[in-house]
N, C-alpha and C. Protein backbone atom coordinates (compact mmCIF):
# COMPACT_ATOMS: atom_id res chain seq x y z
N ASP A 1 -8.30 -6.38 12.93
CA ASP A 1 -7.87 -7.61 11.98
C ASP A 1 -5.87 -7.24 11.71
N PRO A 2 -5.37 -8.13 12.26
CA PRO A 2 -4.44 -7.89 12.25
C PRO A 2 -4.07 -7.76 10.47
N PRO A 3 -2.48 -6.65 10.20
CA PRO A 3 -2.41 -6.22 9.03
C PRO A 3 -1.60 -6.92 8.00
N TYR A 4 -1.42 -7.99 8.86
CA TYR A 4 -0.52 -9.17 7.96
C TYR A 4 -1.16 -10.85 7.91
N ARG A 5 -0.50 -11.45 6.92
CA ARG A 5 -1.31 -12.89 7.24
C ARG A 5 -0.49 -13.51 8.56
N GLN A 6 -1.23 -14.43 9.57
CA GLN A 6 -0.95 -15.05 10.31
C GLN A 6 -0.03 -16.06 9.29
N GLY A 7 1.00 -16.73 10.52
CA GLY A 7 1.84 -17.81 9.84
C GLY A 7 2.48 -16.97 8.62
N THR A 8 2.89 -15.99 8.10
CA THR A 8 3.29 -15.84 7.38
C THR A 8 4.71 -14.43 7.92
N SER A 9 5.85 -14.91 7.14
CA SER A 9 6.95 -13.41 7.65
C SER A 9 7.04 -12.09 7.04
N VAL A 10 7.07 -11.44 8.08
CA VAL A 10 7.06 -10.19 8.15
C VAL A 10 8.66 -9.39 8.02
N VAL A 11 8.86 -9.11 7.02
CA VAL A 11 10.56 -8.81 7.07
C VAL A 11 10.56 -7.31 7.07
N GLU A 12 11.62 -6.58 8.03
CA GLU A 12 11.78 -4.90 7.85
C GLU A 12 12.91 -5.04 7.30
N ARG A 13 13.27 -4.32 6.00
CA ARG A 13 14.41 -4.02 5.26
C ARG A 13 14.52 -2.56 4.90
N GLU A 14 15.37 -2.17 4.57
CA GLU A 14 15.91 -1.15 3.82
C GLU A 14 15.67 -0.99 2.10
N ALA A 15 14.23 -0.49 1.34
CA ALA A 15 14.17 -0.28 0.55
C ALA A 15 14.94 0.51 -0.76
N THR A 16 14.88 -0.50 -2.02
CA THR A 16 16.43 -0.29 -2.67
C THR A 16 15.66 1.05 -3.86
N VAL A 17 16.71 1.33 -4.16
CA VAL A 17 16.57 2.97 -4.55
C VAL A 17 16.25 2.37 -6.06
N GLY A 18 15.20 2.88 -6.38
CA GLY A 18 14.36 2.58 -7.92
C GLY A 18 13.16 1.69 -7.51
N GLU A 19 13.33 0.78 -6.72
CA GLU A 19 12.07 -0.35 -6.38
C GLU A 19 10.58 1.40 -6.39
N ARG A 20 9.62 0.09 -7.02
CA ARG A 20 8.45 0.88 -7.32
C ARG A 20 7.38 0.01 -6.63
N TYR A 21 6.90 0.73 -6.15
CA TYR A 21 5.12 0.43 -5.68
C TYR A 21 4.00 0.79 -6.13
N LYS A 22 2.98 0.37 -5.89
CA LYS A 22 1.39 1.13 -5.85
C LYS A 22 0.78 1.05 -4.76
N MET A 23 0.30 2.36 -5.25
CA MET A 23 -1.25 2.53 -3.83
C MET A 23 -1.88 2.75 -4.31
N VAL A 24 -3.00 2.24 -3.49
CA VAL A 24 -4.73 2.44 -4.06
C VAL A 24 -4.56 3.83 -3.69
N ASN A 25 -5.28 4.65 -4.33
CA ASN A 25 -5.72 5.87 -3.99
C ASN A 25 -7.12 6.46 -4.37
N ASP A 26 -7.98 7.49 -3.10
CA ASP A 26 -9.04 7.44 -3.48
C ASP A 26 -8.83 8.88 -3.67
N GLU A 27 -10.29 9.70 -4.35
CA GLU A 27 -10.45 11.29 -5.22
C GLU A 27 -9.19 12.14 -4.50
N ASN A 28 -9.68 11.96 -2.82
CA ASN A 28 -9.35 12.80 -2.32
C ASN A 28 -7.66 13.07 -2.11
N GLN A 29 -7.34 11.67 -2.23
CA GLN A 29 -5.83 11.36 -2.19
C GLN A 29 -5.39 11.77 -3.37
N LYS A 30 -5.88 11.36 -4.32
CA LYS A 30 -5.23 11.86 -5.87
C LYS A 30 -5.16 13.16 -5.70
N ASN A 31 -6.61 14.20 -5.43
CA ASN A 31 -6.39 15.21 -5.37
C ASN A 31 -5.26 16.23 -4.66
N ALA A 32 -4.95 15.32 -3.40
CA ALA A 32 -4.20 15.91 -2.87
C ALA A 32 -2.60 15.26 -3.20
N ILE A 33 -2.40 14.89 -4.07
CA ILE A 33 -1.04 14.09 -4.68
C ILE A 33 -1.23 15.05 -6.30
N GLU A 34 -2.18 15.42 -7.25
CA GLU A 34 -1.79 16.27 -7.98
C GLU A 34 -1.75 17.83 -7.42
N ASN A 35 -1.80 18.32 -6.30
CA ASN A 35 -1.78 19.46 -5.33
C ASN A 35 -0.79 19.29 -4.76
N GLY A 36 0.73 18.48 -4.83
CA GLY A 36 1.75 18.31 -4.42
C GLY A 36 1.91 17.97 -2.57
N ASN A 37 1.01 17.66 -2.44
CA ASN A 37 0.66 17.29 -1.01
C ASN A 37 1.31 15.56 -0.65
N LEU A 38 2.23 15.13 -0.31
CA LEU A 38 2.60 13.78 -0.13
C LEU A 38 2.11 13.23 0.89
N ARG A 39 1.41 13.53 1.61
CA ARG A 39 0.76 12.22 2.45
C ARG A 39 -0.35 11.92 2.11
N ILE A 40 0.25 10.75 1.40
CA ILE A 40 -0.33 9.68 0.24
C ILE A 40 -0.70 8.24 0.85
N GLY A 41 0.12 8.51 2.38
CA GLY A 41 -0.50 6.81 3.29
C GLY A 41 0.70 5.95 3.51
N GLY A 42 1.00 4.94 4.02
CA GLY A 42 1.87 3.93 4.53
C GLY A 42 1.67 2.60 3.59
N TRP A 43 0.26 2.21 3.15
CA TRP A 43 0.55 0.91 2.09
C TRP A 43 0.23 0.86 0.70
N ALA A 44 1.22 0.35 0.48
CA ALA A 44 1.65 -0.23 -0.87
C ALA A 44 1.55 -1.83 -1.31
N THR A 45 1.53 -2.04 -2.33
CA THR A 45 2.21 -3.38 -3.00
C THR A 45 3.00 -3.39 -4.43
N SER A 46 3.78 -3.96 -3.97
CA SER A 46 5.16 -4.02 -5.51
C SER A 46 4.23 -5.36 -6.23
N GLY A 47 2.62 -5.97 -6.18
CA GLY A 47 2.17 -6.73 -7.58
C GLY A 47 1.47 -5.53 -8.22
N ASP A 48 0.83 -6.32 -9.04
CA ASP A 48 -0.08 -5.44 -9.93
C ASP A 48 -1.53 -5.36 -9.30
N ILE A 49 -2.34 -4.18 -9.90
CA ILE A 49 -3.70 -4.01 -9.30
C ILE A 49 -4.27 -4.06 -10.47
N PRO A 50 -5.22 -5.23 -10.88
CA PRO A 50 -5.62 -5.05 -12.12
C PRO A 50 -7.16 -4.91 -12.09
N ASN A 51 -7.72 -4.37 -10.58
CA ASN A 51 -9.08 -3.43 -10.77
C ASN A 51 -9.39 -3.81 -9.79
N GLN A 52 -10.33 -2.81 -9.37
CA GLN A 52 -11.21 -2.38 -7.64
C GLN A 52 -10.98 -3.68 -7.04
N ALA A 53 -11.99 -4.48 -7.75
CA ALA A 53 -12.44 -5.56 -7.03
C ALA A 53 -11.02 -6.05 -6.30
N PHE A 54 -10.44 -6.36 -7.21
CA PHE A 54 -8.86 -7.24 -6.56
C PHE A 54 -8.42 -6.41 -5.39
N ALA A 55 -8.18 -4.84 -5.97
CA ALA A 55 -7.52 -4.14 -5.01
C ALA A 55 -8.81 -4.11 -3.49
N ARG A 56 -9.65 -4.24 -3.59
CA ARG A 56 -10.74 -4.37 -2.45
C ARG A 56 -10.51 -5.75 -1.68
N ASP A 57 -10.36 -6.52 -2.11
CA ASP A 57 -10.13 -7.69 -1.15
C ASP A 57 -8.74 -8.34 -1.11
N ALA A 58 -8.26 -8.83 -2.38
CA ALA A 58 -6.53 -8.91 -2.12
C ALA A 58 -5.38 -8.33 -1.43
N LEU A 59 -6.17 -7.04 -1.38
CA LEU A 59 -5.60 -5.78 -0.25
C LEU A 59 -5.82 -5.66 0.84
N ALA A 60 -7.67 -6.21 0.92
CA ALA A 60 -8.34 -5.55 2.09
C ALA A 60 -8.29 -4.27 2.53
N ILE A 61 -8.46 -3.85 1.61
CA ILE A 61 -8.93 -2.06 1.97
C ILE A 61 -10.76 -2.16 2.30
N ARG A 62 -10.47 -1.97 3.23
CA ARG A 62 -12.10 -1.82 3.81
C ARG A 62 -12.94 -0.56 3.33
N PRO A 63 -13.87 -0.52 3.61
CA PRO A 63 -14.80 0.48 2.66
C PRO A 63 -14.59 1.56 3.62
N GLU A 64 -14.93 1.11 4.98
CA GLU A 64 -14.17 2.75 5.89
C GLU A 64 -12.90 3.16 5.72
N TYR A 65 -11.92 2.24 5.21
CA TYR A 65 -10.95 3.29 5.03
C TYR A 65 -10.90 4.04 4.13
N LYS A 66 -11.34 2.95 2.88
CA LYS A 66 -11.33 3.91 1.64
C LYS A 66 -12.66 3.34 0.16
N PRO A 67 -13.56 4.03 0.68
CA PRO A 67 -14.66 3.96 0.03
C PRO A 67 -14.79 3.74 -1.68
N ASP A 68 -13.45 4.55 -2.10
CA ASP A 68 -13.52 4.38 -3.56
C ASP A 68 -12.11 4.16 -3.94
N LEU A 69 -12.03 3.48 -4.47
CA LEU A 69 -10.66 2.69 -5.22
C LEU A 69 -10.08 3.10 -6.49
N SER A 70 -10.68 4.37 -6.70
CA SER A 70 -10.80 4.54 -8.67
C SER A 70 -9.34 4.95 -8.72
N TYR A 71 -8.16 5.45 -8.05
CA TYR A 71 -7.00 5.78 -8.53
C TYR A 71 -6.03 4.44 -8.03
N VAL A 72 -5.17 4.29 -8.90
CA VAL A 72 -3.27 3.94 -8.15
C VAL A 72 -2.60 4.99 -8.73
N ALA A 73 -1.56 5.06 -7.24
CA ALA A 73 -0.43 5.54 -7.89
C ALA A 73 1.01 5.21 -7.73
N GLU A 74 1.89 5.23 -8.56
CA GLU A 74 3.37 4.53 -8.76
C GLU A 74 3.94 5.60 -7.24
N ILE A 75 4.63 4.90 -7.07
CA ILE A 75 6.13 5.52 -6.08
C ILE A 75 6.87 4.73 -6.10
N GLU A 76 7.92 5.23 -6.41
CA GLU A 76 9.47 4.86 -6.69
C GLU A 76 10.41 5.50 -5.14
N VAL A 77 11.12 4.65 -4.50
CA VAL A 77 12.13 4.85 -3.60
C VAL A 77 13.33 5.69 -4.54
N VAL A 78 13.59 6.89 -4.17
CA VAL A 78 14.74 7.86 -4.86
C VAL A 78 15.87 7.97 -4.17
N LYS A 79 15.86 7.57 -2.49
CA LYS A 79 16.79 7.98 -2.10
C LYS A 79 17.34 6.93 -0.79
N PRO A 80 18.24 6.19 -0.66
CA PRO A 80 18.13 5.48 0.32
C PRO A 80 17.72 6.09 1.55
N GLY A 81 17.77 4.41 2.37
CA GLY A 81 17.21 4.77 4.07
C GLY A 81 16.16 4.31 4.30
N ALA A 82 15.07 4.18 3.02
CA ALA A 82 14.05 3.88 3.01
C ALA A 82 13.61 2.83 3.79
N ILE A 83 12.80 2.78 5.16
CA ILE A 83 12.63 0.89 5.77
C ILE A 83 11.09 0.82 5.50
N VAL A 84 10.53 -0.15 5.35
CA VAL A 84 9.50 -1.18 4.71
C VAL A 84 9.40 -2.01 5.75
N ASN A 85 8.27 -2.48 5.90
CA ASN A 85 7.72 -4.14 6.11
C ASN A 85 7.34 -4.49 4.96
N ASP A 86 7.33 -5.98 4.45
CA ASP A 86 7.32 -6.91 3.59
C ASP A 86 6.27 -7.76 3.76
N GLY A 87 5.47 -8.09 3.34
CA GLY A 87 4.67 -8.91 3.88
C GLY A 87 3.20 -9.38 2.78
N VAL A 88 2.43 -10.36 3.61
CA VAL A 88 1.41 -10.81 3.12
C VAL A 88 0.46 -10.06 3.46
N VAL A 89 -0.94 -9.49 3.04
CA VAL A 89 -1.68 -8.72 3.36
C VAL A 89 -2.70 -9.95 4.10
N GLY A 90 -3.22 -9.57 5.55
CA GLY A 90 -3.62 -10.27 6.33
C GLY A 90 -5.66 -9.83 6.18
N PRO A 91 -6.13 -10.88 6.55
CA PRO A 91 -7.70 -10.67 5.81
C PRO A 91 -8.28 -9.80 6.82
N GLN A 92 -9.11 -8.81 6.17
CA GLN A 92 -10.10 -7.77 6.99
C GLN A 92 -11.32 -8.38 6.60
N GLY A 93 -12.02 -8.84 7.62
CA GLY A 93 -13.57 -9.01 7.89
C GLY A 93 -13.65 -10.42 6.74
N ILE A 94 -14.29 -10.01 6.00
CA ILE A 94 -15.09 -10.84 4.48
C ILE A 94 -13.68 -10.73 3.68
N LEU A 95 -12.86 -9.62 3.95
CA LEU A 95 -11.79 -9.21 2.68
C LEU A 95 -10.67 -10.76 2.84
N ARG A 96 -10.56 -11.40 1.97
CA ARG A 96 -9.54 -12.70 2.11
C ARG A 96 -8.26 -11.96 2.44
N GLY A 97 -7.75 -10.93 1.68
CA GLY A 97 -6.16 -10.43 1.77
C GLY A 97 -5.20 -11.35 0.66
N GLY A 98 -3.99 -11.64 0.94
CA GLY A 98 -3.13 -12.63 0.48
C GLY A 98 -2.21 -11.43 -0.35
N ALA A 99 -2.24 -10.71 -0.67
CA ALA A 99 -1.61 -9.88 -1.85
C ALA A 99 -0.18 -9.18 -1.16
N GLN A 100 0.87 -9.06 -1.68
CA GLN A 100 1.75 -8.62 -1.00
C GLN A 100 1.93 -7.20 -0.59
N GLN A 101 2.26 -6.86 0.32
CA GLN A 101 1.93 -5.64 0.97
C GLN A 101 3.44 -4.76 1.32
N ILE A 102 3.36 -3.97 0.97
CA ILE A 102 4.70 -2.99 1.57
C ILE A 102 4.33 -1.69 2.70
N GLU A 103 4.51 -1.59 3.74
CA GLU A 103 4.07 -1.02 5.15
C GLU A 103 5.76 0.04 5.12
N GLN A 104 4.95 1.50 4.69
CA GLN A 104 6.33 2.75 4.26
C GLN A 104 6.52 2.62 6.18
N LEU A 105 7.66 2.82 6.53
CA LEU A 105 7.87 3.17 7.77
C LEU A 105 8.03 4.05 8.60
N MET A 106 8.59 5.04 7.24
CA MET A 106 8.75 6.61 7.14
C MET A 106 7.96 7.43 6.76
N ALA A 107 7.64 8.22 7.23
CA ALA A 107 6.77 9.49 6.77
C ALA A 107 7.08 9.51 5.38
N PRO A 108 5.77 9.53 4.61
CA PRO A 108 5.67 9.80 3.09
C PRO A 108 6.93 11.36 2.78
N PRO A 109 6.66 12.20 2.73
CA PRO A 109 7.85 13.42 2.51
C PRO A 109 9.49 12.67 2.63
N GLN A 110 9.36 12.19 3.49
CA GLN A 110 10.93 11.46 3.60
C GLN A 110 11.21 10.25 2.58
């Protein structure tokens, strides 16, 4: 299914230094981050993530992508040049989507 809701705009832009996003992580990603591995994934949200049910449905995170949604990491843009797509999450199967999402177009270590 398309990652963005049909009929909505997706804006490619340079992220602003200081901008912060929240990224849902599973146990493996959490452990990797704690061990200094910045391969954290390419999707985040600029909004709040109040609980796992919200993350699953509004961010349309299919169980086969991440069976465990126990952790949220906050990431911050620390240098200029980060290019992102900014748009509305599209539905994925029975998951509704609808939250704002940020797609990082650069590799996480950058």
